[in-house]
C-alpha atoms as a PDB file:
ATOM      1  CA  UNK A   1      57.550 -66.668 -83.994  1.00  0.00           C
ATOM      2  CA  UNK A   2      55.726 -67.954 -80.920  1.00  0.00           C
ATOM      3  CA  UNK A   3      57.642 -69.327 -78.009  1.00  0.00           C
ATOM      4  CA  UNK A   4      57.562 -73.178 -77.783  1.00  0.00           C
ATOM      5  CA  UNK A   5      55.085 -74.350 -75.170  1.00  0.00           C
ATOM      6  CA  UNK A   6      56.144 -77.330 -73.147  1.00  0.00           C
ATOM      7  CA  UNK A   7      53.806 -80.214 -72.329  1.00  0.00           C
ATOM      8  CA  UNK A   8      54.230 -82.849 -69.649  1.00  0.00           C
ATOM      9  CA  UNK A   9      53.260 -86.419 -70.539  1.00  0.00           C
ATOM     10  CA  UNK A  10      52.893 -88.689 -67.510  1.00  0.00           C
ATOM     11  CA  UNK A  11      52.012 -92.245 -68.382  1.00  0.00           C
ATOM     12  CA  UNK A  12      53.563 -95.600 -67.340  1.00  0.00           C
ATOM     13  CA  UNK A  13      52.785 -97.145 -70.719  1.00  0.00           C
ATOM     14  CA  UNK A  14      55.786 -96.610 -72.982  1.00  0.00           C
ATOM     15  CA  UNK A  15      53.793 -97.068 -76.179  1.00  0.00           C
ATOM     16  CA  UNK A  16      51.274 -94.371 -75.211  1.00  0.00           C
ATOM     17  CA  UNK A  17      54.054 -92.022 -74.067  1.00  0.00           C
ATOM     18  CA  UNK A  18      55.929 -92.467 -77.360  1.00  0.00           C
ATOM     19  CA  UNK A  19      52.738 -91.940 -79.400  1.00  0.00           C
ATOM     20  CA  UNK A  20      51.851 -88.735 -77.566  1.00  0.00           C
ATOM     21  CA  UNK A  21      55.387 -87.432 -77.804  1.00  0.00           C
ATOM     22  CA  UNK A  22      55.445 -88.095 -81.591  1.00  0.00           C
ATOM     23  CA  UNK A  23      52.229 -86.173 -82.162  1.00  0.00           C
ATOM     24  CA  UNK A  24      53.090 -83.246 -79.898  1.00  0.00           C
ATOM     25  CA  UNK A  25      56.629 -82.853 -81.282  1.00  0.00           C
ATOM     26  CA  UNK A  26      55.190 -82.873 -84.794  1.00  0.00           C
ATOM     27  CA  UNK A  27      52.783 -80.108 -83.834  1.00  0.00           C
ATOM     28  CA  UNK A  28      55.617 -77.943 -82.535  1.00  0.00           C
ATOM     29  CA  UNK A  29      55.423 -78.479 -78.781  1.00  0.00           C
ATOM     30  CA  UNK A  30      58.216 -79.240 -76.406  1.00  0.00           C
ATOM     31  CA  UNK A  31      57.752 -82.543 -74.489  1.00  0.00           C
ATOM     32  CA  UNK A  32      58.719 -83.536 -70.968  1.00  0.00           C
ATOM     33  CA  UNK A  33      57.974 -87.175 -70.169  1.00  0.00           C
ATOM     34  CA  UNK A  34      57.435 -89.031 -66.901  1.00  0.00           C
ATOM     35  CA  UNK A  35      56.723 -92.731 -66.313  1.00  0.00           C
ATOM     36  CA  UNK A  36      55.000 -92.381 -62.942  1.00  0.00           C
ATOM     37  CA  UNK A  37      53.114 -89.946 -60.834  1.00  0.00           C
ATOM     38  CA  UNK A  38      55.966 -89.260 -58.433  1.00  0.00           C
ATOM     39  CA  UNK A  39      58.193 -88.017 -61.214  1.00  0.00           C
ATOM     40  CA  UNK A  40      55.359 -85.965 -62.679  1.00  0.00           C
ATOM     41  CA  UNK A  41      54.753 -84.250 -59.351  1.00  0.00           C
ATOM     42  CA  UNK A  42      58.455 -83.588 -59.014  1.00  0.00           C
ATOM     43  CA  UNK A  43      58.613 -81.948 -62.417  1.00  0.00           C
ATOM     44  CA  UNK A  44      55.557 -79.763 -61.731  1.00  0.00           C
ATOM     45  CA  UNK A  45      57.190 -78.354 -58.593  1.00  0.00           C
ATOM     46  CA  UNK A  46      60.084 -77.034 -60.631  1.00  0.00           C
ATOM     47  CA  UNK A  47      60.494 -73.396 -61.675  1.00  0.00           C
ATOM     48  CA  UNK A  48      60.135 -74.307 -65.381  1.00  0.00           C
ATOM     49  CA  UNK A  49      57.121 -76.621 -65.048  1.00  0.00           C
ATOM     50  CA  UNK A  50      55.204 -77.189 -68.296  1.00  0.00           C
ATOM     51  CA  UNK A  51      52.025 -75.183 -68.810  1.00  0.00           C
ATOM     52  CA  UNK A  52      49.996 -78.135 -70.154  1.00  0.00           C
ATOM     53  CA  UNK A  53      49.922 -81.508 -68.422  1.00  0.00           C
ATOM     54  CA  UNK A  54      48.572 -84.836 -69.787  1.00  0.00           C
ATOM     55  CA  UNK A  55      48.180 -87.288 -66.957  1.00  0.00           C
ATOM     56  CA  UNK A  56      47.379 -90.990 -67.115  1.00  0.00           C
ATOM     57  CA  UNK A  57      44.738 -91.794 -64.510  1.00  0.00           C
ATOM     58  CA  UNK A  58      46.413 -95.028 -63.257  1.00  0.00           C
ATOM     59  CA  UNK A  59      50.129 -94.743 -62.679  1.00  0.00           C
ATOM     60  CA  UNK A  60      52.690 -96.182 -60.252  1.00  0.00           C
ATOM     61  CA  UNK A  61      53.180 -93.994 -57.161  1.00  0.00           C
ATOM     62  CA  UNK A  62      50.744 -91.044 -57.281  1.00  0.00           C
ATOM     63  CA  UNK A  63      47.776 -91.466 -59.562  1.00  0.00           C
ATOM     64  CA  UNK A  64      46.675 -88.859 -62.105  1.00  0.00           C
ATOM     65  CA  UNK A  65      43.815 -87.273 -60.074  1.00  0.00           C
ATOM     66  CA  UNK A  66      46.064 -86.862 -57.026  1.00  0.00           C
ATOM     67  CA  UNK A  67      48.874 -85.255 -59.111  1.00  0.00           C
ATOM     68  CA  UNK A  68      46.160 -82.884 -60.428  1.00  0.00           C
ATOM     69  CA  UNK A  69      44.991 -82.008 -56.906  1.00  0.00           C
ATOM     70  CA  UNK A  70      48.613 -81.261 -55.885  1.00  0.00           C
ATOM     71  CA  UNK A  71      49.190 -79.078 -58.937  1.00  0.00           C
ATOM     72  CA  UNK A  72      46.246 -76.906 -57.949  1.00  0.00           C
ATOM     73  CA  UNK A  73      47.889 -76.275 -54.529  1.00  0.00           C
ATOM     74  CA  UNK A  74      50.869 -74.640 -56.221  1.00  0.00           C
ATOM     75  CA  UNK A  75      51.147 -70.887 -56.510  1.00  0.00           C
ATOM     76  CA  UNK A  76      51.083 -71.216 -60.333  1.00  0.00           C
ATOM     77  CA  UNK A  77      48.667 -74.140 -60.279  1.00  0.00           C
ATOM     78  CA  UNK A  78      45.733 -72.122 -61.580  1.00  0.00           C
ATOM     79  CA  UNK A  79      47.686 -71.303 -64.737  1.00  0.00           C
ATOM     80  CA  UNK A  80      48.258 -74.932 -65.655  1.00  0.00           C
ATOM     81  CA  UNK A  81      45.982 -76.802 -68.051  1.00  0.00           C
ATOM     82  CA  UNK A  82      45.543 -80.433 -66.913  1.00  0.00           C
ATOM     83  CA  UNK A  83      44.170 -83.177 -69.203  1.00  0.00           C
ATOM     84  CA  UNK A  84      43.395 -86.557 -67.699  1.00  0.00           C
ATOM     85  CA  UNK A  85      44.002 -89.556 -70.053  1.00  0.00           C
ATOM     86  CA  UNK A  86      42.287 -92.776 -69.123  1.00  0.00           C
ATOM     87  CA  UNK A  87      40.283 -95.786 -70.316  1.00  0.00           C
ATOM     88  CA  UNK A  88      37.599 -94.986 -67.728  1.00  0.00           C
ATOM     89  CA  UNK A  89      34.453 -93.694 -69.374  1.00  0.00           C
ATOM     90  CA  UNK A  90      31.783 -93.773 -66.669  1.00  0.00           C
ATOM     91  CA  UNK A  91      29.967 -90.649 -65.636  1.00  0.00           C
ATOM     92  CA  UNK A  92      31.242 -91.063 -62.072  1.00  0.00           C
ATOM     93  CA  UNK A  93      34.879 -91.233 -63.263  1.00  0.00           C
ATOM     94  CA  UNK A  94      34.487 -88.134 -65.424  1.00  0.00           C
ATOM     95  CA  UNK A  95      32.976 -86.180 -62.517  1.00  0.00           C
ATOM     96  CA  UNK A  96      35.728 -87.410 -60.177  1.00  0.00           C
ATOM     97  CA  UNK A  97      38.347 -86.256 -62.639  1.00  0.00           C
ATOM     98  CA  UNK A  98      36.946 -82.759 -62.888  1.00  0.00           C
ATOM     99  CA  UNK A  99      36.508 -82.573 -59.099  1.00  0.00           C
ATOM    100  CA  UNK A 100      40.195 -83.352 -58.774  1.00  0.00           C
ATOM    101  CA  UNK A 101      40.885 -80.180 -60.707  1.00  0.00           C
ATOM    102  CA  UNK A 102      41.245 -81.487 -64.291  1.00  0.00           C
ATOM    103  CA  UNK A 103      40.397 -79.083 -67.094  1.00  0.00           C
ATOM    104  CA  UNK A 104      39.732 -81.734 -69.731  1.00  0.00           C
ATOM    105  CA  UNK A 105      39.306 -85.485 -70.147  1.00  0.00           C
ATOM    106  CA  UNK A 106      40.444 -87.794 -73.009  1.00  0.00           C
ATOM    107  CA  UNK A 107      39.780 -91.500 -73.212  1.00  0.00           C
ATOM    108  CA  UNK A 108      42.458 -93.803 -74.482  1.00  0.00           C
ATOM    109  CA  UNK A 109      42.112 -94.833 -78.102  1.00  0.00           C
ATOM    110  CA  UNK A 110      41.803 -91.067 -78.823  1.00  0.00           C
ATOM    111  CA  UNK A 111      41.872 -89.656 -82.346  1.00  0.00           C
ATOM    112  CA  UNK A 112      44.925 -87.478 -83.143  1.00  0.00           C
ATOM    113  CA  UNK A 113      42.742 -84.634 -84.411  1.00  0.00           C
ATOM    114  CA  UNK A 114      40.750 -84.643 -81.192  1.00  0.00           C
ATOM    115  CA  UNK A 115      43.976 -84.610 -79.127  1.00  0.00           C
ATOM    116  CA  UNK A 116      45.335 -81.685 -81.162  1.00  0.00           C
ATOM    117  CA  UNK A 117      42.140 -79.711 -80.805  1.00  0.00           C
ATOM    118  CA  UNK A 118      42.065 -80.195 -77.026  1.00  0.00           C
ATOM    119  CA  UNK A 119      45.695 -79.254 -76.673  1.00  0.00           C
ATOM    120  CA  UNK A 120      45.065 -76.113 -78.745  1.00  0.00           C
ATOM    121  CA  UNK A 121      42.219 -75.175 -76.431  1.00  0.00           C
ATOM    122  CA  UNK A 122      44.546 -75.638 -73.435  1.00  0.00           C
ATOM    123  CA  UNK A 123      47.185 -73.470 -75.089  1.00  0.00           C
ATOM    124  CA  UNK A 124      44.708 -70.625 -75.669  1.00  0.00           C
ATOM    125  CA  UNK A 125      43.405 -70.836 -72.117  1.00  0.00           C
ATOM    126  CA  UNK A 126      46.893 -70.795 -70.614  1.00  0.00           C
ATOM    127  CA  UNK A 127      47.722 -67.764 -72.734  1.00  0.00           C
ATOM    128  CA  UNK A 128      44.576 -65.901 -71.643  1.00  0.00           C
ATOM    129  CA  UNK A 129      45.117 -66.780 -67.990  1.00  0.00           C
ATOM    130  CA  UNK A 130      48.770 -65.742 -68.086  1.00  0.00           C
ATOM    131  CA  UNK A 131      47.909 -62.406 -69.811  1.00  0.00           C
ATOM    132  CA  UNK A 132      45.134 -61.751 -67.312  1.00  0.00           C
ATOM    133  CA  UNK A 133      47.389 -62.428 -64.325  1.00  0.00           C
ATOM    134  CA  UNK A 134      50.075 -60.150 -65.795  1.00  0.00           C
ATOM    135  CA  UNK A 135      47.497 -57.370 -66.311  1.00  0.00           C
ATOM    136  CA  UNK A 136      46.132 -57.717 -62.768  1.00  0.00           C
ATOM    137  CA  UNK A 137      49.647 -57.498 -61.430  1.00  0.00           C
ATOM    138  CA  UNK A 138      50.333 -54.309 -63.451  1.00  0.00           C
ATOM    139  CA  UNK A 139      47.120 -52.757 -62.121  1.00  0.00           C
ATOM    140  CA  UNK A 140      47.963 -53.680 -58.545  1.00  0.00           C
ATOM    141  CA  UNK A 141      51.393 -52.126 -58.962  1.00  0.00           C
ATOM    142  CA  UNK A 142      49.880 -48.951 -60.454  1.00  0.00           C
ATOM    143  CA  UNK A 143      47.319 -48.652 -57.661  1.00  0.00           C
ATOM    144  CA  UNK A 144      50.008 -49.047 -55.043  1.00  0.00           C
ATOM    145  CA  UNK A 145      51.665 -45.857 -56.366  1.00  0.00           C
ATOM    146  CA  UNK A 146      48.461 -43.834 -56.416  1.00  0.00           C
ATOM    147  CA  UNK A 147      47.505 -41.709 -53.424  1.00  0.00           C
ATOM    148  CA  UNK A 148      44.145 -39.929 -53.284  1.00  0.00           C
ATOM    149  CA  UNK A 149      42.498 -37.377 -51.089  1.00  0.00           C
ATOM    150  CA  UNK A 150      38.966 -38.331 -50.099  1.00  0.00           C
ATOM    151  CA  UNK A 151      36.342 -37.020 -47.718  1.00  0.00           C
ATOM    152  CA  UNK A 152      36.068 -33.684 -45.951  1.00  0.00           C
ATOM    153  CA  UNK A 153      39.309 -31.764 -45.527  1.00  0.00           C
ATOM    154  CA  UNK A 154      39.272 -29.238 -42.599  1.00  0.00           C
ATOM    155  CA  UNK A 155      41.181 -26.053 -43.560  1.00  0.00           C
ATOM    156  CA  UNK A 156      41.704 -23.050 -41.329  1.00  0.00           C
ATOM    157  CA  UNK A 157      39.990 -19.956 -42.771  1.00  0.00           C
ATOM    158  CA  UNK A 158      42.769 -17.655 -41.645  1.00  0.00           C
ATOM    159  CA  UNK A 159      46.146 -19.431 -42.125  1.00  0.00           C
ATOM    160  CA  UNK A 160      44.938 -22.220 -44.487  1.00  0.00           C
ATOM    161  CA  UNK A 161      46.562 -24.945 -42.429  1.00  0.00           C
ATOM    162  CA  UNK A 162      45.042 -28.413 -42.862  1.00  0.00           C
ATOM    163  CA  UNK A 163      43.938 -30.796 -40.055  1.00  0.00           C
ATOM    164  CA  UNK A 164      44.830 -34.420 -40.817  1.00  0.00           C
ATOM    165  CA  UNK A 165      43.393 -37.685 -39.447  1.00  0.00           C
ATOM    166  CA  UNK A 166      45.817 -37.464 -36.474  1.00  0.00           C
ATOM    167  CA  UNK A 167      44.270 -34.096 -35.434  1.00  0.00           C
ATOM    168  CA  UNK A 168      47.536 -32.394 -36.408  1.00  0.00           C
ATOM    169  CA  UNK A 169      47.500 -29.074 -38.199  1.00  0.00           C
ATOM    170  CA  UNK A 170      50.079 -28.609 -40.915  1.00  0.00           C
ATOM    171  CA  UNK A 171      50.680 -26.372 -43.930  1.00  0.00           C
ATOM    172  CA  UNK A 172      48.559 -27.169 -46.940  1.00  0.00           C
ATOM    173  CA  UNK A 173      51.625 -27.814 -49.175  1.00  0.00           C
ATOM    174  CA  UNK A 174      52.999 -30.248 -46.613  1.00  0.00           C
ATOM    175  CA  UNK A 175      49.695 -32.105 -46.484  1.00  0.00           C
ATOM    176  CA  UNK A 176      49.511 -32.354 -50.303  1.00  0.00           C
ATOM    177  CA  UNK A 177      53.074 -33.615 -50.573  1.00  0.00           C
ATOM    178  CA  UNK A 178      52.449 -36.220 -47.904  1.00  0.00           C
ATOM    179  CA  UNK A 179      49.124 -37.511 -49.234  1.00  0.00           C
ATOM    180  CA  UNK A 180      49.585 -37.253 -52.982  1.00  0.00           C
ATOM    181  CA  UNK A 181      52.286 -37.657 -55.609  1.00  0.00           C
ATOM    182  CA  UNK A 182      52.054 -33.904 -56.470  1.00  0.00           C
ATOM    183  CA  UNK A 183      54.991 -31.630 -55.784  1.00  0.00           C
ATOM    184  CA  UNK A 184      53.861 -28.158 -54.695  1.00  0.00           C
ATOM    185  CA  UNK A 185      55.712 -25.266 -56.359  1.00  0.00           C
ATOM    186  CA  UNK A 186      55.448 -21.795 -54.848  1.00  0.00           C
ATOM    187  CA  UNK A 187      54.456 -18.864 -57.058  1.00  0.00           C
ATOM    188  CA  UNK A 188      52.110 -15.835 -57.137  1.00  0.00           C
ATOM    189  CA  UNK A 189      48.784 -15.729 -58.847  1.00  0.00           C
ATOM    190  CA  UNK A 190      48.100 -12.455 -60.865  1.00  0.00           C
ATOM    191  CA  UNK A 191      45.763 -11.051 -58.165  1.00  0.00           C
ATOM    192  CA  UNK A 192      48.228 -11.553 -55.326  1.00  0.00           C
ATOM    193  CA  UNK A 193      51.126 -10.172 -57.497  1.00  0.00           C
ATOM    194  CA  UNK A 194      49.107  -6.959 -58.138  1.00  0.00           C
ATOM    195  CA  UNK A 195      48.261  -6.626 -54.459  1.00  0.00           C
ATOM    196  CA  UNK A 196      51.824  -7.190 -53.158  1.00  0.00           C
ATOM    197  CA  UNK A 197      53.647  -5.310 -55.923  1.00  0.00           C
ATOM    198  CA  UNK A 198      51.257  -2.500 -57.024  1.00  0.00           C
ATOM    199  CA  UNK A 199      54.046  -0.218 -58.215  1.00  0.00           C
ATOM    200  CA  UNK A 200      55.540  -2.853 -60.445  1.00  0.00           C
ATOM    201  CA  UNK A 201      52.132  -3.784 -61.848  1.00  0.00           C
ATOM    202  CA  UNK A 202      51.232  -0.191 -62.524  1.00  0.00           C
ATOM    203  CA  UNK A 203      54.577   0.441 -64.194  1.00  0.00           C
ATOM    204  CA  UNK A 204      54.202  -2.671 -66.329  1.00  0.00           C
ATOM    205  CA  UNK A 205      50.757  -1.665 -67.354  1.00  0.00           C
ATOM    206  CA  UNK A 206      51.952   1.878 -68.280  1.00  0.00           C
ATOM    207  CA  UNK A 207      54.868   0.521 -70.316  1.00  0.00           C
ATOM    208  CA  UNK A 208      52.469  -1.852 -72.124  1.00  0.00           C
ATOM    209  CA  UNK A 209      50.111   1.046 -72.932  1.00  0.00           C
ATOM    210  CA  UNK A 210      52.973   3.194 -74.359  1.00  0.00           C
ATOM    211  CA  UNK A 211      54.127   0.364 -76.605  1.00  0.00           C
ATOM    212  CA  UNK A 212      50.679   0.258 -78.155  1.00  0.00           C
ATOM    213  CA  UNK A 213      50.487   4.016 -78.850  1.00  0.00           C
END
């Protein structure tokens, strides 16, 4: 079962607020109501601010476009879907609404099906933006734990010490431990084992040969 998404309705007209709340509640959304722009802005600054906002253009206090501008200044402002609700229908007003940061625009006298479709679009966009932000955060956290070795690495031909960017020579295993997440473990390769312990190697080979006779 999906989590209930909250929607803020900010409109000084009680009839419009009640109508919107009736529709949205019926469609399964949680509703937070405000009768003026000041209260709407106060709600949006809270830690549990709704993800979708329906703002009346003309309200007491702060008007809808200004509330929208302020929302976009918040750290989570880019994740909010803002719909302006107004009787204004001129091209200039529509452009001004979008320039204020609105995502959508509905004229008063709206059809309930149109409202529901636009809210559904907002819900999908909020979900996608939230998922994308979460994924980016996960990738940034992963990258912060990754250390890589790049470029030319000067190594002494005799002792195999490595020269770092500070012009300091250090053991290869120390350099690897410092610049990567690898943990060096000392052991002997077969060639070195044979060279350092020839008697043991010869004895092991003889024993192995006898076992196959």
